């Protein structure tokens, strides 16, 4: 009996499964680091040679595979964003991106600061100290710092997962401007120049408002845009391009891991400079293409994950609020059992809280919008 060959279809929700899984991985990545003794911390900090020397082959391979996801997860999300990009006027694009990204960013910043002040005061009962710590969180979001930074003796915390929103805003605005003036080879050259400028900026100690990541991500937006225009995900990538991608990816990735480094976009770490940036993007394209074949599976679990992916921006915002608003270390430090078990349990609890809050917010938002729409219709008919 012959089985029908599965083909990837260009639909509105084709990336939701991948985005949903990405949200779970993001939450997990911010959870196991709260348990310093966890073996998972070695996936990023240790070189490939060290992993095989200190752990079993199975453990070392699993940790290396996880580090691959760690490298390409965020570039993949930017590539997906580029796939849905359509050229429009600067004014329309600015308005659209501001509403979709900056408004949630500002709301998240305010709610995070308010929650941080409340929780710290409730825990430590010292208002001046709570205000001081909260100002560090607020300043990080106002300045758009993707990593905790020190100005002399003053420490300013990062803006957490919300760095993605600022980065995407910058990259979408710049790419739309480029695609309005250039096409084909000229567009590619312009994109490479902008991304190179972003990498050069990453060498500076402090870069506000995620400008470095935003400029670099223009390359990823272009890759998604190119993939859509050339139907790479729906018609496939030819053997020659696959071979080039695989060779570039394997060589660059293994070199990085042997040296003991790993790309960290949020922290502006690119060990092989532009080669790291571009290979991560190419790897992301191949990863997305292969991952899309999982869309053939339908069921309760995959439907649930797709729903999470559909509201990925809200998930990131809520994750930022709970991550920066609560002193999570205060709870993880009390765990006395196995660190892996603690990390998994804490991850499940965090995921349940974040996703439940997200779905509740969406439900309330839809009810409010329906009521507002009905009220406007009634007003118009009077």
Protein backbone atom coordinates (compact mmCIF):
# COMPACT_ATOMS: atom_id res chain seq x y z
CA UNK A 1 0.00 0.00 0.00
CA UNK A 2 1.47 3.32 -1.11
CA UNK A 3 1.41 6.28 1.21
CA UNK A 4 0.80 9.71 -0.24
CA UNK A 5 3.88 11.93 -0.20
CA UNK A 6 3.48 14.83 2.23
CA UNK A 7 3.98 18.29 0.78
CA UNK A 8 4.45 21.48 2.75
CA UNK A 9 1.59 23.91 2.18
CA UNK A 10 1.85 27.66 2.36
CA UNK A 11 -0.79 28.44 4.99
CA UNK A 12 -1.25 31.19 7.57
CA UNK A 13 -0.45 28.93 10.53
CA UNK A 14 2.26 26.81 8.94
CA UNK A 15 4.88 27.91 11.51
CA UNK A 16 2.73 27.75 14.63
CA UNK A 17 3.93 24.30 15.67
CA UNK A 18 7.56 25.39 15.47
CA UNK A 19 6.86 28.65 17.29
CA UNK A 20 4.97 26.80 20.01
CA UNK A 21 7.84 24.39 20.62
CA UNK A 22 10.23 27.36 20.56
CA UNK A 23 8.29 28.98 23.40
CA UNK A 24 8.60 25.86 25.54
CA UNK A 25 12.35 25.71 24.81
CA UNK A 26 12.78 29.40 25.68
CA UNK A 27 11.07 28.90 29.04
CA UNK A 28 13.12 25.75 29.66
CA UNK A 29 16.35 27.57 28.80
CA UNK A 30 15.54 30.23 31.39
CA UNK A 31 14.68 27.59 34.00
CA UNK A 32 17.55 25.10 34.22
CA UNK A 33 20.05 27.95 34.69
CA UNK A 34 18.37 28.58 38.06
CA UNK A 35 19.83 25.22 39.13
CA UNK A 36 23.64 25.68 38.86
CA UNK A 37 24.39 22.00 39.50
CA UNK A 38 22.28 20.84 36.57
CA UNK A 39 24.16 18.92 33.87
CA UNK A 40 22.33 20.99 31.26
CA UNK A 41 24.45 24.03 32.10
CA UNK A 42 27.42 22.22 30.53
CA UNK A 43 25.72 22.23 27.10
CA UNK A 44 26.62 25.89 26.64
CA UNK A 45 29.64 26.42 28.88
CA UNK A 46 31.77 23.38 27.91
CA UNK A 47 33.53 22.64 24.64
CA UNK A 48 32.65 19.56 22.63
CA UNK A 49 35.89 17.85 23.62
CA UNK A 50 35.24 18.55 27.31
CA UNK A 51 31.75 17.10 27.07
CA UNK A 52 32.98 13.80 25.63
CA UNK A 53 35.79 13.71 28.21
CA UNK A 54 33.55 14.27 31.23
CA UNK A 55 30.29 12.58 30.25
CA UNK A 56 29.10 9.43 28.50
CA UNK A 57 28.79 9.53 24.72
CA UNK A 58 25.00 9.62 24.94
CA UNK A 59 25.01 12.52 27.39
CA UNK A 60 27.61 14.45 25.38
CA UNK A 61 25.68 14.02 22.11
CA UNK A 62 22.41 15.06 23.79
CA UNK A 63 24.06 18.19 25.22
CA UNK A 64 25.57 19.05 21.83
CA UNK A 65 22.20 18.64 20.14
CA UNK A 66 20.62 20.94 22.70
CA UNK A 67 23.33 23.53 22.03
CA UNK A 68 22.37 23.42 18.33
CA UNK A 69 18.81 24.40 19.24
CA UNK A 70 20.23 27.08 21.50
CA UNK A 71 22.16 28.59 18.58
CA UNK A 72 19.45 28.60 15.94
CA UNK A 73 16.21 29.06 17.89
CA UNK A 74 16.07 32.86 17.79
CA UNK A 75 17.42 33.17 14.21
CA UNK A 76 14.66 30.74 13.21
CA UNK A 77 11.99 33.01 14.69
CA UNK A 78 13.41 35.99 12.79
CA UNK A 79 13.47 33.99 9.54
CA UNK A 80 9.82 33.08 10.12
CA UNK A 81 9.01 36.77 10.64
CA UNK A 82 10.74 37.59 7.37
CA UNK A 83 8.69 34.94 5.57
CA UNK A 84 5.52 36.95 6.22
CA UNK A 85 7.05 40.30 5.27
CA UNK A 86 5.34 42.35 2.57
CA UNK A 87 6.71 45.57 1.14
CA UNK A 88 4.69 48.61 2.18
CA UNK A 89 5.14 52.32 2.83
CA UNK A 90 7.35 53.42 5.69
CA UNK A 91 4.43 55.04 7.50
CA UNK A 92 2.19 51.96 7.30
CA UNK A 93 5.00 49.65 8.31
CA UNK A 94 6.00 51.84 11.24
CA UNK A 95 2.40 52.00 12.46
CA UNK A 96 1.94 48.24 12.09
CA UNK A 97 5.17 47.28 13.84
CA UNK A 98 4.65 49.83 16.60
CA UNK A 99 1.21 48.42 17.45
CA UNK A 100 2.32 44.80 17.15
CA UNK A 101 5.67 45.06 18.98
CA UNK A 102 6.32 48.33 20.81
CA UNK A 103 2.91 48.63 22.48
CA UNK A 104 3.22 45.12 24.02
CA UNK A 105 6.81 45.97 24.95
CA UNK A 106 5.76 49.12 26.85
CA UNK A 107 2.86 47.38 28.61
CA UNK A 108 5.14 44.50 29.59
CA UNK A 109 7.77 46.93 30.90
CA UNK A 110 5.24 48.71 33.14
CA UNK A 111 3.64 45.50 34.44
CA UNK A 112 7.05 43.93 35.08
CA UNK A 113 8.22 46.94 37.08
CA UNK A 114 5.01 47.05 39.13
CA UNK A 115 5.15 43.32 39.88
CA UNK A 116 8.86 43.49 40.72
CA UNK A 117 8.26 46.28 43.25
CA UNK A 118 5.37 44.41 44.89
CA UNK A 119 7.08 41.03 45.15
CA UNK A 120 10.37 42.42 46.45
CA UNK A 121 8.65 44.53 49.07
CA UNK A 122 6.51 41.56 50.16
CA UNK A 123 9.59 39.34 50.47
CA UNK A 124 12.08 41.73 52.03
CA UNK A 125 9.85 44.39 53.65
CA UNK A 126 12.25 47.21 52.80
CA UNK A 127 10.65 49.76 50.47
CA UNK A 128 13.72 51.91 49.57
CA UNK A 129 15.67 48.77 48.64
CA UNK A 130 12.75 47.43 46.62
CA UNK A 131 12.46 50.71 44.72
CA UNK A 132 16.20 50.69 44.00
CA UNK A 133 16.10 47.16 42.59
CA UNK A 134 12.96 47.89 40.56
CA UNK A 135 14.58 50.95 39.00
CA UNK A 136 17.34 48.65 37.72
CA UNK A 137 14.70 46.54 35.98
CA UNK A 138 12.85 49.57 34.60
CA UNK A 139 16.08 51.17 33.34
CA UNK A 140 17.01 47.98 31.48
CA UNK A 141 13.72 48.04 29.60
CA UNK A 142 13.85 51.79 28.92
CA UNK A 143 17.37 51.47 27.52
CA UNK A 144 16.52 48.23 25.74
CA UNK A 145 19.50 46.34 27.14
CA UNK A 146 19.49 42.67 26.16
CA UNK A 147 22.02 41.74 28.85
CA UNK A 148 22.69 42.88 32.39
CA UNK A 149 25.13 45.80 32.20
CA UNK A 150 27.27 47.78 34.62
CA UNK A 151 27.82 51.53 34.44
CA UNK A 152 30.64 51.85 36.94
CA UNK A 153 29.19 50.60 40.22
CA UNK A 154 25.62 50.79 38.93
CA UNK A 155 24.05 47.54 37.73
CA UNK A 156 21.18 47.61 35.24
CA UNK A 157 19.28 44.41 34.52
CA UNK A 158 18.45 43.18 31.02
CA UNK A 159 15.00 43.50 29.50
CA UNK A 160 14.66 39.70 29.50
CA UNK A 161 12.94 37.82 26.65
CA UNK A 162 11.45 41.14 25.54
CA UNK A 163 14.69 41.87 23.69
CA UNK A 164 13.18 39.85 20.85
CA UNK A 165 10.36 42.39 20.37
CA UNK A 166 12.72 45.36 20.17
CA UNK A 167 15.07 43.51 17.84
CA UNK A 168 12.25 42.46 15.55
CA UNK A 169 10.90 46.02 15.46
CA UNK A 170 14.28 47.44 14.42
CA UNK A 171 14.93 44.75 11.80
CA UNK A 172 11.45 44.93 10.25
CA UNK A 173 11.61 48.72 9.91
CA UNK A 174 15.08 48.64 8.35
CA UNK A 175 14.37 45.72 6.02
CA UNK A 176 11.15 47.28 4.70
CA UNK A 177 13.13 50.44 3.95
CA UNK A 178 15.81 48.46 2.10
CA UNK A 179 13.35 46.42 0.07
CA UNK A 180 11.60 49.64 -0.96
CA UNK A 181 14.78 50.95 -2.60
CA UNK A 182 16.71 47.86 -3.67
CA UNK A 183 16.01 44.51 -5.26
CA UNK A 184 17.83 41.32 -6.23
CA UNK A 185 21.65 41.61 -5.95
CA UNK A 186 21.55 45.19 -4.68
CA UNK A 187 19.17 44.19 -1.90
CA UNK A 188 21.45 41.33 -0.85
CA UNK A 189 24.47 43.64 -0.75
CA UNK A 190 22.55 46.22 1.29
CA UNK A 191 21.41 43.53 3.74
CA UNK A 192 24.95 42.21 4.20
CA UNK A 193 26.29 45.72 4.80
CA UNK A 194 23.60 46.46 7.40
CA UNK A 195 24.15 43.13 9.18
CA UNK A 196 27.91 43.68 9.17
CA UNK A 197 27.32 47.07 10.78
CA UNK A 198 25.25 45.28 13.41
CA UNK A 199 28.09 42.85 14.11
CA UNK A 200 30.57 45.74 14.45
CA UNK A 201 28.19 47.37 16.92
CA UNK A 202 28.10 44.13 18.92
CA UNK A 203 31.80 44.68 19.67
CA UNK A 204 30.84 47.78 21.65
CA UNK A 205 30.25 47.14 25.36
CA UNK A 206 26.88 48.88 25.55
CA UNK A 207 24.42 49.10 22.65
CA UNK A 208 20.96 50.41 23.63
CA UNK A 209 17.56 49.41 22.25
CA UNK A 210 18.89 46.16 20.76
CA UNK A 211 20.25 48.07 17.77
CA UNK A 212 23.06 45.58 17.20
CA UNK A 213 20.72 42.57 17.17
CA UNK A 214 18.22 44.52 15.09
CA UNK A 215 20.75 45.28 12.35
CA UNK A 216 22.09 41.72 12.39
CA UNK A 217 18.55 40.29 12.17
CA UNK A 218 17.97 42.12 8.89
CA UNK A 219 19.92 39.21 7.35
CA UNK A 220 17.50 36.71 8.91
CA UNK A 221 14.48 38.70 7.79
CA UNK A 222 15.94 38.69 4.27
CA UNK A 223 16.41 34.90 4.40
CA UNK A 224 12.75 34.45 5.29
CA UNK A 225 11.71 36.93 2.62
CA UNK A 226 13.89 35.13 0.06
CA UNK A 227 12.49 31.75 1.10
CA UNK A 228 8.93 32.97 0.57
CA UNK A 229 9.69 34.64 -2.76
CA UNK A 230 11.50 31.58 -4.11
CA UNK A 231 9.13 29.03 -2.54
CA UNK A 232 11.97 27.26 -0.74
CA UNK A 233 9.74 25.80 1.95
CA UNK A 234 6.95 24.69 -0.37
CA UNK A 235 8.96 23.49 -3.36
CA UNK A 236 12.11 22.45 -1.52
CA UNK A 237 15.80 23.27 -1.60
CA UNK A 238 17.83 21.70 -4.38
CA UNK A 239 20.65 19.28 -3.59
CA UNK A 240 23.44 21.75 -4.36
CA UNK A 241 22.13 24.39 -1.95
CA UNK A 242 21.52 21.75 0.73
CA UNK A 243 25.12 20.56 0.40
CA UNK A 244 26.53 24.09 0.73
CA UNK A 245 24.35 24.78 3.77
CA UNK A 246 25.27 21.52 5.50
CA UNK A 247 29.02 21.97 4.93
CA UNK A 248 28.98 25.58 6.13
CA UNK A 249 26.87 24.73 9.15
CA UNK A 250 28.82 21.66 10.26
CA UNK A 251 32.25 23.30 9.86
CA UNK A 252 31.31 26.53 11.65
CA UNK A 253 29.31 24.84 14.39
CA UNK A 254 31.92 22.19 15.20
CA UNK A 255 34.68 24.82 15.18
CA UNK A 256 32.74 26.90 17.68
CA UNK A 257 32.03 23.92 19.92
CA UNK A 258 35.62 22.63 19.84
CA UNK A 259 36.79 26.08 20.92
CA UNK A 260 34.25 25.95 23.72
CA UNK A 261 32.06 28.78 22.47
CA UNK A 262 28.46 29.03 21.40
CA UNK A 263 26.59 31.85 19.63
CA UNK A 264 24.44 33.86 21.99
CA UNK A 265 22.39 36.46 20.17
CA UNK A 266 20.90 38.06 23.28
CA UNK A 267 24.40 38.57 24.69
CA UNK A 268 25.89 39.60 21.32
CA UNK A 269 28.36 36.71 21.23
CA UNK A 270 29.45 35.62 17.74
CA UNK A 271 32.78 33.72 17.99
CA UNK A 272 33.26 33.51 14.21
CA UNK A 273 31.95 37.03 13.55
CA UNK A 274 29.80 37.27 10.41
CA UNK A 275 30.37 33.59 9.60
CA UNK A 276 28.59 32.69 12.83
CA UNK A 277 25.72 35.02 12.04
CA UNK A 278 25.19 33.86 8.46
CA UNK A 279 25.67 30.15 9.19
CA UNK A 280 23.12 30.38 12.02
CA UNK A 281 20.68 31.90 9.55
CA UNK A 282 21.29 29.23 6.91
CA UNK A 283 21.00 26.53 9.56
CA UNK A 284 17.72 28.11 10.66
CA UNK A 285 16.34 27.97 7.10
CA UNK A 286 17.20 24.27 6.78
CA UNK A 287 15.86 23.57 10.28
CA UNK A 288 12.54 25.28 9.50
CA UNK A 289 12.23 23.42 6.19
CA UNK A 290 12.69 20.04 7.87
CA UNK A 291 10.51 20.97 10.81
CA UNK A 292 7.58 21.91 8.56
CA UNK A 293 7.13 18.23 7.72
CA UNK A 294 5.92 17.70 11.29
CA UNK A 295 2.79 19.59 10.29
CA UNK A 296 1.48 16.29 8.94
CA UNK A 297 0.71 15.32 12.55
CA UNK A 298 -2.59 16.43 14.03
CA UNK A 299 -3.94 15.71 17.47
CA UNK A 300 -4.63 17.19 20.87
CA UNK A 301 -0.98 17.80 21.76
CA UNK A 302 0.06 19.30 18.41
CA UNK A 303 -3.09 21.46 18.33
CA UNK A 304 -2.29 22.75 21.81
CA UNK A 305 1.30 23.55 20.82
CA UNK A 306 0.06 25.32 17.67
CA UNK A 307 -2.23 27.48 19.81
CA UNK A 308 0.77 28.42 21.96
CA UNK A 309 2.72 29.28 18.80
CA UNK A 310 -0.13 31.41 17.48
CA UNK A 311 0.19 33.68 20.53
CA UNK A 312 3.98 33.49 20.83
CA UNK A 313 4.38 37.26 21.25
CA UNK A 314 2.01 37.23 24.22
CA UNK A 315 3.83 34.22 25.67
CA UNK A 316 7.16 36.09 25.47
CA UNK A 317 5.64 39.15 27.14
CA UNK A 318 4.11 37.16 29.99
CA UNK A 319 7.32 35.18 30.35
CA UNK A 320 9.21 38.47 30.68
CA UNK A 321 6.83 39.67 33.39
CA UNK A 322 7.17 36.53 35.52
CA UNK A 323 10.89 36.15 34.84
CA UNK A 324 11.85 39.69 35.84
CA UNK A 325 8.94 40.43 38.15
CA UNK A 326 9.46 37.46 40.49
CA UNK A 327 12.75 36.68 42.30
CA UNK A 328 12.70 33.12 40.96
CA UNK A 329 16.08 32.29 42.47
CA UNK A 330 14.39 32.70 45.87
CA UNK A 331 12.36 29.55 45.12
CA UNK A 332 14.89 27.46 43.17
CA UNK A 333 17.49 27.86 45.94
CA UNK A 334 15.13 26.07 48.32
CA UNK A 335 15.12 22.94 46.15
CA UNK A 336 17.16 20.21 47.83
CA UNK A 337 16.56 17.33 45.41
CA UNK A 338 18.07 16.34 42.07
CA UNK A 339 18.72 19.51 40.00
CA UNK A 340 17.39 17.94 36.78
CA UNK A 341 14.14 16.96 38.50
CA UNK A 342 13.90 20.41 40.04
CA UNK A 343 14.47 22.13 36.70
CA UNK A 344 11.85 19.97 34.95
CA UNK A 345 9.28 20.49 37.72
CA UNK A 346 9.89 24.24 37.82
CA UNK A 347 9.69 24.37 34.00
CA UNK A 348 6.34 22.58 33.99
CA UNK A 349 4.96 24.94 36.65
CA UNK A 350 6.24 28.05 34.86
CA UNK A 351 4.94 26.85 31.49
CA UNK A 352 1.51 26.10 32.94
CA UNK A 353 1.28 29.53 34.60
CA UNK A 354 2.56 31.44 31.55
CA UNK A 355 0.40 29.65 28.98
CA UNK A 356 -2.74 29.68 31.15
CA UNK A 357 -2.29 33.41 31.68
CA UNK A 358 -1.76 33.88 27.94
CA UNK A 359 -4.95 32.01 26.99
CA UNK A 360 -6.92 33.87 29.67
CA UNK A 361 -5.63 37.20 28.35
CA UNK A 362 -6.57 36.27 24.78
CA UNK A 363 -10.06 35.23 25.93
CA UNK A 364 -10.64 38.46 27.83
CA UNK A 365 -9.19 40.51 24.96
CA UNK A 366 -11.54 38.86 22.46
CA UNK A 367 -14.58 39.47 24.70
CA UNK A 368 -13.65 43.14 25.13
CA UNK A 369 -13.11 43.61 21.38
CA UNK A 370 -16.48 42.00 20.61
CA UNK A 371 -18.24 44.29 23.08
CA UNK A 372 -16.48 47.36 21.72
CA UNK A 373 -17.37 46.33 18.15
CA UNK A 374 -21.05 45.86 19.07
CA UNK A 375 -21.12 49.20 20.86
CA UNK A 376 -19.67 50.95 17.80
CA UNK A 377 -22.24 49.26 15.53
CA UNK A 378 -25.05 50.38 17.83
CA UNK A 379 -23.71 53.94 17.84
CA UNK A 380 -23.46 53.98 14.04
CA UNK A 381 -27.05 52.77 13.64
CA UNK A 382 -28.48 55.47 15.89
